[in-house]
Amino acid sequence: MISIRGKWALVTGASRGVGRRIACGLAEKGCNLILHSRSTEHTKDLVEELSDKGLRVIALEADLAFPEAAAAMALEAEKLSAGIDLLYNNAAVTFPWREDLKAPIEDYRKAFDINTISPIKICDVLLPRMRQRGFGRVIFLTSGIKDQPELAPYALSKAAIDKYVKDMVIKLEGENVLMNLLDPGWLRTDLGGPQAPNSVETVLPGALIPALLEKQEGSGRLYQAQDYACA
């Protein structure tokens, strides 16, 4: 595994849940951080906590319901850092359980704007710069949800991300810019709900594996964080 000490990571949805745990895990590896949330007030305490470790930590805000705001945030992150080396597209939104065929159009629109289009627009900004510098690790959080049409807006928006990664990695073949998927598992978070079987802490160390890959380990894989929960 590579060292990421001194590199820069952008973590979206870093104020709580999985994003917060990933940010803390990256900090333990000596990584400088750009912490995204809808308001910098939401990450104020985390900025202070991680800055005390001697790292550079910057908070940025953007509403990912507006993909143009996501792209602008990514560009700002690039300008404020020495260049983003690692990207965790973690932020996502889910919706209430809907009866079959009852999900409103707005659920689908919002799900795709936040869960699919905004993460892709962030990549549109950061990927060319990673490729130019010859290093990058891009991790998209995905979901193992299946056979539940009642959760279709969320599930389909994540399936679209899986397709994006599958198609994009062909363009990255042989480069030291890797793009992979991470399924954190069903966790007790605001998104996963209180009935989930796993605590949010179990996302580590597995969530860091795609960020620490050697070039030859390649792109296009699905990493299951729970596979490493007892490591």
Protein backbone atom coordinates (compact mmCIF):
# COMPACT_ATOMS: atom_id res chain seq x y z
CA MET A 1 0.00 0.00 0.00
CA ILE A 2 1.13 3.53 -0.76
CA SER A 3 1.70 6.36 1.70
CA ILE A 4 -0.69 9.31 1.43
CA ARG A 5 1.10 11.44 4.00
CA GLY A 6 1.17 15.05 2.83
CA LYS A 7 -1.32 14.48 0.00
CA TRP A 8 -4.65 16.29 -0.33
CA ALA A 9 -8.05 14.63 -0.16
CA LEU A 10 -11.51 16.02 -0.86
CA VAL A 11 -14.28 14.25 1.05
CA THR A 12 -17.85 15.20 0.21
CA GLY A 13 -20.47 14.91 2.91
CA ALA A 14 -17.76 15.06 5.58
CA SER A 15 -19.78 16.53 8.42
CA ARG A 16 -21.20 13.26 9.77
CA GLY A 17 -21.59 9.54 9.28
CA VAL A 18 -19.38 7.73 6.80
CA GLY A 19 -17.81 10.91 5.42
CA ARG A 20 -16.69 12.02 8.85
CA ARG A 21 -15.19 8.61 9.61
CA ILE A 22 -13.35 8.56 6.28
CA ALA A 23 -11.97 12.05 6.93
CA CYS A 24 -10.69 10.96 10.34
CA GLY A 25 -9.14 7.84 8.84
CA LEU A 26 -7.35 9.86 6.18
CA ALA A 27 -6.09 12.26 8.83
CA GLU A 28 -4.57 9.34 10.74
CA LYS A 29 -2.61 8.60 7.56
CA GLY A 30 -1.25 12.16 7.51
CA CYS A 31 -3.45 13.39 4.68
CA ASN A 32 -4.43 17.06 4.34
CA LEU A 33 -8.14 17.55 3.88
CA ILE A 34 -10.81 19.53 2.12
CA LEU A 35 -14.05 18.84 4.01
CA HIS A 36 -17.24 19.44 2.06
CA SER A 37 -20.68 19.93 3.56
CA ARG A 38 -23.73 22.02 2.79
CA SER A 39 -22.48 24.64 5.27
CA THR A 40 -19.01 25.17 6.71
CA GLU A 41 -20.67 25.43 10.10
CA HIS A 42 -21.36 21.70 9.89
CA THR A 43 -17.65 20.81 9.73
CA LYS A 44 -16.31 23.55 12.02
CA ASP A 45 -15.63 21.18 14.92
CA LEU A 46 -14.02 18.57 12.66
CA VAL A 47 -11.72 21.18 11.11
CA GLU A 48 -10.55 22.14 14.60
CA GLU A 49 -10.14 18.52 15.69
CA LEU A 50 -8.09 17.45 12.69
CA SER A 51 -6.06 20.65 12.46
CA ASP A 52 -4.75 19.86 15.93
CA LYS A 53 -2.98 16.88 14.36
CA GLY A 54 -0.72 19.27 12.44
CA LEU A 55 -2.58 18.85 9.16
CA ARG A 56 -3.95 21.44 6.77
CA VAL A 57 -7.73 21.20 6.89
CA ILE A 58 -10.11 23.42 4.93
CA ALA A 59 -13.90 23.49 4.95
CA LEU A 60 -15.90 24.22 1.81
CA GLU A 61 -19.63 24.35 1.30
CA ALA A 62 -21.86 23.53 -1.66
CA ASP A 63 -25.39 22.28 -2.17
CA LEU A 64 -24.97 19.21 -4.37
CA ALA A 65 -28.59 19.52 -5.47
CA PHE A 66 -27.06 22.00 -7.92
CA PRO A 67 -24.35 20.28 -10.00
CA GLU A 68 -22.86 23.61 -11.07
CA ALA A 69 -22.24 24.38 -7.38
CA ALA A 70 -20.51 21.02 -7.01
CA ALA A 71 -18.20 21.82 -9.92
CA ALA A 72 -17.41 25.26 -8.50
CA MET A 73 -16.60 23.72 -5.13
CA ALA A 74 -14.23 21.23 -6.75
CA LEU A 75 -12.43 24.01 -8.57
CA GLU A 76 -12.09 25.95 -5.32
CA ALA A 77 -10.71 22.85 -3.61
CA GLU A 78 -8.11 22.51 -6.33
CA LYS A 79 -7.07 26.15 -5.96
CA LEU A 80 -6.82 26.04 -2.15
CA SER A 81 -4.75 22.87 -2.03
CA ALA A 82 -1.59 21.78 -3.76
CA GLY A 83 -3.93 19.83 -6.03
CA ILE A 84 -6.46 17.20 -4.99
CA ASP A 85 -4.86 13.75 -4.97
CA LEU A 86 -7.72 11.74 -3.50
CA LEU A 87 -11.45 12.18 -3.97
CA TYR A 88 -14.15 10.47 -1.93
CA ASN A 89 -17.52 11.07 -3.56
CA ASN A 90 -19.41 10.18 -0.42
CA ALA A 91 -22.29 12.67 -0.08
CA ALA A 92 -25.68 11.23 -0.94
CA VAL A 93 -29.36 11.60 -0.24
CA THR A 94 -32.02 8.94 0.19
CA PHE A 95 -35.78 9.13 0.46
CA PRO A 96 -38.65 7.62 2.45
CA TRP A 97 -39.85 4.14 1.58
CA ARG A 98 -42.46 4.50 -1.17
CA GLU A 99 -45.01 1.95 -2.24
CA ASP A 100 -44.35 0.35 -5.63
CA LEU A 101 -44.71 2.82 -8.50
CA LYS A 102 -45.46 5.69 -6.12
CA ALA A 103 -42.14 7.57 -5.99
CA PRO A 104 -42.67 11.15 -7.22
CA ILE A 105 -40.63 12.57 -10.06
CA GLU A 106 -38.95 15.00 -7.67
CA ASP A 107 -37.38 12.08 -5.74
CA TYR A 108 -35.70 10.86 -8.92
CA ARG A 109 -34.54 14.33 -9.95
CA LYS A 110 -33.04 15.13 -6.58
CA ALA A 111 -31.45 11.68 -6.26
CA PHE A 112 -29.74 11.95 -9.63
CA ASP A 113 -28.61 15.56 -9.10
CA ILE A 114 -27.01 14.82 -5.72
CA ASN A 115 -25.97 11.17 -6.01
CA THR A 116 -24.99 10.98 -9.68
CA ILE A 117 -24.58 14.22 -11.60
CA SER A 118 -22.78 16.27 -8.94
CA PRO A 119 -20.16 13.57 -8.22
CA ILE A 120 -19.55 13.26 -11.95
CA LYS A 121 -19.17 17.03 -12.36
CA ILE A 122 -16.64 17.02 -9.52
CA CYS A 123 -14.69 14.42 -11.48
CA ASP A 124 -14.96 16.54 -14.61
CA VAL A 125 -13.00 19.21 -12.75
CA LEU A 126 -10.48 17.07 -10.86
CA LEU A 127 -9.72 14.12 -13.15
CA PRO A 128 -7.89 16.09 -15.87
CA ARG A 129 -5.65 17.65 -13.24
CA MET A 130 -4.93 14.29 -11.61
CA ARG A 131 -4.01 12.82 -14.98
CA GLN A 132 -1.75 15.76 -15.76
CA ARG A 133 0.08 15.33 -12.44
CA GLY A 134 0.25 11.56 -12.85
CA PHE A 135 -1.48 10.58 -9.62
CA GLY A 136 -5.01 10.25 -8.32
CA ARG A 137 -7.33 7.99 -6.38
CA VAL A 138 -11.07 8.46 -6.96
CA ILE A 139 -13.52 6.55 -4.80
CA PHE A 140 -17.27 6.53 -5.39
CA LEU A 141 -19.46 5.25 -2.60
CA THR A 142 -22.08 2.87 -3.91
CA SER A 143 -24.82 0.73 -2.44
CA GLY A 144 -25.68 -2.93 -2.20
CA ILE A 145 -29.43 -2.23 -2.21
CA LYS A 146 -31.31 -4.52 -4.60
CA ASP A 147 -34.78 -6.00 -5.09
CA GLN A 148 -36.38 -3.00 -3.36
CA PRO A 149 -38.25 -0.88 -5.91
CA GLU A 150 -39.59 1.09 -2.96
CA LEU A 151 -36.13 2.69 -2.81
CA ALA A 152 -35.75 3.09 -6.57
CA PRO A 153 -34.65 6.76 -6.74
CA TYR A 154 -31.67 6.12 -4.46
CA ALA A 155 -30.84 2.68 -5.85
CA LEU A 156 -30.99 3.77 -9.49
CA SER A 157 -28.87 6.86 -8.87
CA LYS A 158 -26.19 4.63 -7.35
CA ALA A 159 -26.47 2.11 -10.19
CA ALA A 160 -25.79 4.96 -12.61
CA ILE A 161 -22.57 5.73 -10.73
CA ASP A 162 -21.53 2.09 -11.05
CA LYS A 163 -22.02 2.37 -14.81
CA TYR A 164 -20.05 5.63 -14.96
CA VAL A 165 -17.09 4.03 -13.21
CA LYS A 166 -17.22 0.92 -15.41
CA ASP A 167 -17.08 3.05 -18.55
CA MET A 168 -14.56 5.63 -17.33
CA VAL A 169 -11.89 3.21 -16.14
CA ILE A 170 -11.21 2.19 -19.74
CA LYS A 171 -9.88 5.70 -20.30
CA LEU A 172 -7.65 5.45 -17.21
CA GLU A 173 -6.06 2.11 -18.07
CA GLY A 174 -2.33 2.09 -17.43
CA GLU A 175 -2.38 5.44 -15.62
CA ASN A 176 -1.61 6.11 -11.97
CA VAL A 177 -5.11 7.56 -11.58
CA LEU A 178 -7.34 4.85 -10.16
CA MET A 179 -11.13 4.92 -9.89
CA ASN A 180 -12.96 2.39 -7.76
CA LEU A 181 -16.22 1.76 -5.93
CA LEU A 182 -16.73 1.38 -2.20
CA ASP A 183 -19.75 -0.18 -0.52
CA PRO A 184 -19.63 0.85 3.14
CA GLY A 185 -22.26 -1.70 4.15
CA TRP A 186 -25.53 -1.09 5.92
CA LEU A 187 -24.62 1.26 8.75
CA ARG A 188 -26.44 3.01 11.56
CA THR A 189 -26.27 6.53 10.13
CA ASP A 190 -28.83 9.17 9.22
CA LEU A 191 -28.98 7.56 5.78
CA GLY A 192 -28.89 3.93 6.87
CA GLY A 193 -31.28 4.30 9.78
CA PRO A 194 -31.25 2.92 13.34
CA GLN A 195 -32.15 -0.64 12.27
CA ALA A 196 -28.90 -1.18 10.35
CA PRO A 197 -26.75 -4.03 11.71
CA ASN A 198 -23.38 -2.26 11.66
CA SER A 199 -22.04 0.78 13.50
CA VAL A 200 -20.52 3.56 11.43
CA GLU A 201 -17.13 2.84 13.00
CA THR A 202 -16.94 -0.44 11.07
CA VAL A 203 -16.45 1.45 7.82
CA LEU A 204 -12.76 1.66 8.78
CA PRO A 205 -10.24 0.44 7.88
CA GLY A 206 -11.91 -0.90 4.75
CA ALA A 207 -12.97 2.48 3.42
CA LEU A 208 -9.33 3.51 3.12
CA ILE A 209 -8.22 0.52 1.02
CA PRO A 210 -9.09 2.12 -2.38
CA ALA A 211 -7.11 5.24 -1.44
CA LEU A 212 -3.98 3.24 -0.64
CA LEU A 213 -3.80 1.08 -3.75
CA GLU A 214 -0.62 0.67 -5.74
CA LYS A 215 -0.87 1.59 -9.42
CA GLN A 216 -0.80 -2.02 -10.57
CA GLU A 217 -3.87 -2.88 -8.50
CA GLY A 218 -5.91 -0.95 -11.04
CA SER A 219 -9.38 0.48 -11.39
CA GLY A 220 -12.94 -0.67 -11.69
CA ARG A 221 -13.18 -2.82 -8.59
CA LEU A 222 -15.83 -2.90 -5.88
CA TYR A 223 -14.43 -2.83 -2.34
CA GLN A 224 -16.66 -3.92 0.54
CA ALA A 225 -15.73 -2.04 3.70
CA GLN A 226 -17.31 -4.72 5.90
CA ASP A 227 -14.86 -7.30 4.54
CA TYR A 228 -12.17 -5.50 6.55
CA ALA A 229 -14.22 -4.64 9.63
CA CYS A 230 -12.40 -7.14 11.86
CA ALA A 231 -8.98 -6.52 10.34
